[in-house]
Every structure is written in structure tokens, then in C-alpha cells.
Amino acid sequence: MMISITAILKSKKENIEQIQSLLNHLVTETRKEAACARYDLHNSENVFIIWEEWKDQEGLDIHNNQSHLKDFIAKSESLVAAPIQVYKTVQIL
């Protein structure tokens, strides 16, 4: 069963371009991971949403320890207006 993740980032208005650049790199690198079935980036003004699907928990655990994710979290910390929200969900319909 696929694991679904939704991550929501709210950029400070003055940092939208920086966040977008960091996210572009994160998405490019993450999509190379073997367990990554989907990693799509959506945007509405200063809000960025990542729709993720992972083949298994082991693959998601590997992702969570990747340098490209850890670097993104560290670099984006001062650029976001609020802490990143991450929801692990199960499709019900």
C-alpha cells in the first residue's frame, strides 16, 4: 500500500523565489529515489504544497535521511512564515 504525504510550506512573501529554487532542487533529487512514486510541487501565491507517494515505509525512512532533504529543511527554516506542516495520510475514497 502506497504511503501518501502532503507537505505544506508557507514562504515569507519576500522569499518566494528562494524557496522555489530550493524546492526545485529538492524535487529533482527526490524523484531519483527508488521508492518515490510521486513527488509533485504545487503553488498558490506564497504557499507551496508537495504531494508525495512512497512505495513503502522503508523508502520513506531513507528519504527522510537524505542530505537533499536535510539541506532543504535547514536552508528553508529562516525563509518560511511558519513551520512546515507534514501530513501522512491514507486514501479513504
Protein backbone atom coordinates (compact mmCIF):
# COMPACT_ATOMS: atom_id res chain seq x y z
CA MET A 1 0.00 0.00 0.00
CA MET A 2 1.33 3.40 -1.02
CA ILE A 3 2.17 5.95 1.65
CA SER A 4 0.83 9.43 0.94
CA ILE A 5 2.37 12.58 2.31
CA THR A 6 1.24 16.17 1.93
CA ALA A 7 3.74 18.86 2.93
CA ILE A 8 2.63 22.49 3.13
CA LEU A 9 5.15 25.34 3.22
CA LYS A 10 4.23 28.97 3.63
CA SER A 11 7.01 31.20 2.39
CA LYS A 12 7.60 34.70 3.67
CA LYS A 13 6.48 36.89 0.76
CA GLU A 14 9.99 38.27 0.20
CA ASN A 15 11.48 34.75 -0.02
CA ILE A 16 9.19 33.13 -2.60
CA GLU A 17 11.90 32.94 -5.30
CA GLN A 18 14.48 31.49 -2.89
CA ILE A 19 12.03 28.86 -1.62
CA GLN A 20 11.03 27.99 -5.19
CA SER A 21 14.68 27.46 -6.12
CA LEU A 22 15.33 25.27 -3.07
CA LEU A 23 12.17 23.26 -3.79
CA ASN A 24 13.10 22.76 -7.44
CA HIS A 25 16.36 21.13 -6.32
CA LEU A 26 14.60 19.05 -3.64
CA VAL A 27 12.01 17.74 -6.12
CA THR A 28 14.62 16.93 -8.78
CA GLU A 29 16.74 14.93 -6.32
CA THR A 30 13.83 13.22 -4.57
CA ARG A 31 12.32 11.97 -7.82
CA LYS A 32 15.54 9.95 -8.35
CA GLU A 33 14.87 7.90 -5.20
CA ALA A 34 13.84 4.30 -5.86
CA ALA A 35 10.84 4.33 -3.50
CA CYS A 36 9.45 7.64 -4.77
CA ALA A 37 6.29 7.05 -6.83
CA ARG A 38 5.21 10.70 -6.93
CA TYR A 39 6.67 13.99 -5.74
CA ASP A 40 4.71 16.87 -7.24
CA LEU A 41 5.07 20.53 -6.37
CA HIS A 42 2.06 22.86 -6.40
CA ASN A 43 1.91 26.58 -5.68
CA SER A 44 -0.61 29.29 -4.80
CA GLU A 45 0.97 32.68 -4.17
CA ASN A 46 3.38 32.15 -1.25
CA VAL A 47 2.11 28.66 -0.36
CA PHE A 48 3.86 25.59 -1.75
CA ILE A 49 2.37 22.10 -1.47
CA ILE A 50 4.22 18.85 -2.14
CA TRP A 51 2.08 15.79 -2.96
CA GLU A 52 4.12 12.67 -2.25
CA GLU A 53 3.57 8.95 -2.73
CA TRP A 54 6.04 6.39 -1.46
CA LYS A 55 6.18 2.69 -2.28
CA ASP A 56 6.92 1.67 1.31
CA GLN A 57 7.85 2.95 4.76
CA GLU A 58 11.46 1.82 4.33
CA GLY A 59 11.79 4.05 1.27
CA LEU A 60 10.21 6.98 3.10
CA ASP A 61 12.62 6.45 6.01
CA ILE A 62 15.54 6.53 3.55
CA HIS A 63 14.15 9.76 2.06
CA ASN A 64 13.86 11.36 5.48
CA ASN A 65 17.61 10.80 5.99
CA GLN A 66 18.75 12.07 2.58
CA SER A 67 21.13 15.05 2.55
CA HIS A 68 18.99 16.88 -0.04
CA LEU A 69 16.00 16.82 2.33
CA LYS A 70 18.04 17.75 5.41
CA ASP A 71 19.74 20.59 3.50
CA PHE A 72 16.36 21.88 2.31
CA ILE A 73 14.94 21.88 5.84
CA ALA A 74 18.00 23.70 7.21
CA LYS A 75 18.12 26.31 4.42
CA SER A 76 14.38 26.98 4.33
CA GLU A 77 13.95 27.40 8.10
CA SER A 78 14.54 31.18 8.06
CA LEU A 79 12.60 31.66 4.80
CA VAL A 80 9.24 30.21 5.85
CA ALA A 81 6.49 32.16 7.61
CA ALA A 82 5.50 29.17 9.77
CA PRO A 83 6.83 25.67 10.49
CA ILE A 84 6.41 23.24 7.58
CA GLN A 85 3.27 21.13 8.03
CA VAL A 86 3.58 17.46 7.06
CA TYR A 87 0.59 15.14 6.94
CA LYS A 88 0.89 11.38 6.45
CA THR A 89 -2.48 10.31 5.09
CA VAL A 90 -4.40 7.25 3.96
CA GLN A 91 -6.72 7.46 0.96
CA ILE A 92 -10.28 6.66 2.05
CA LEU A 93 -12.20 7.17 -1.18
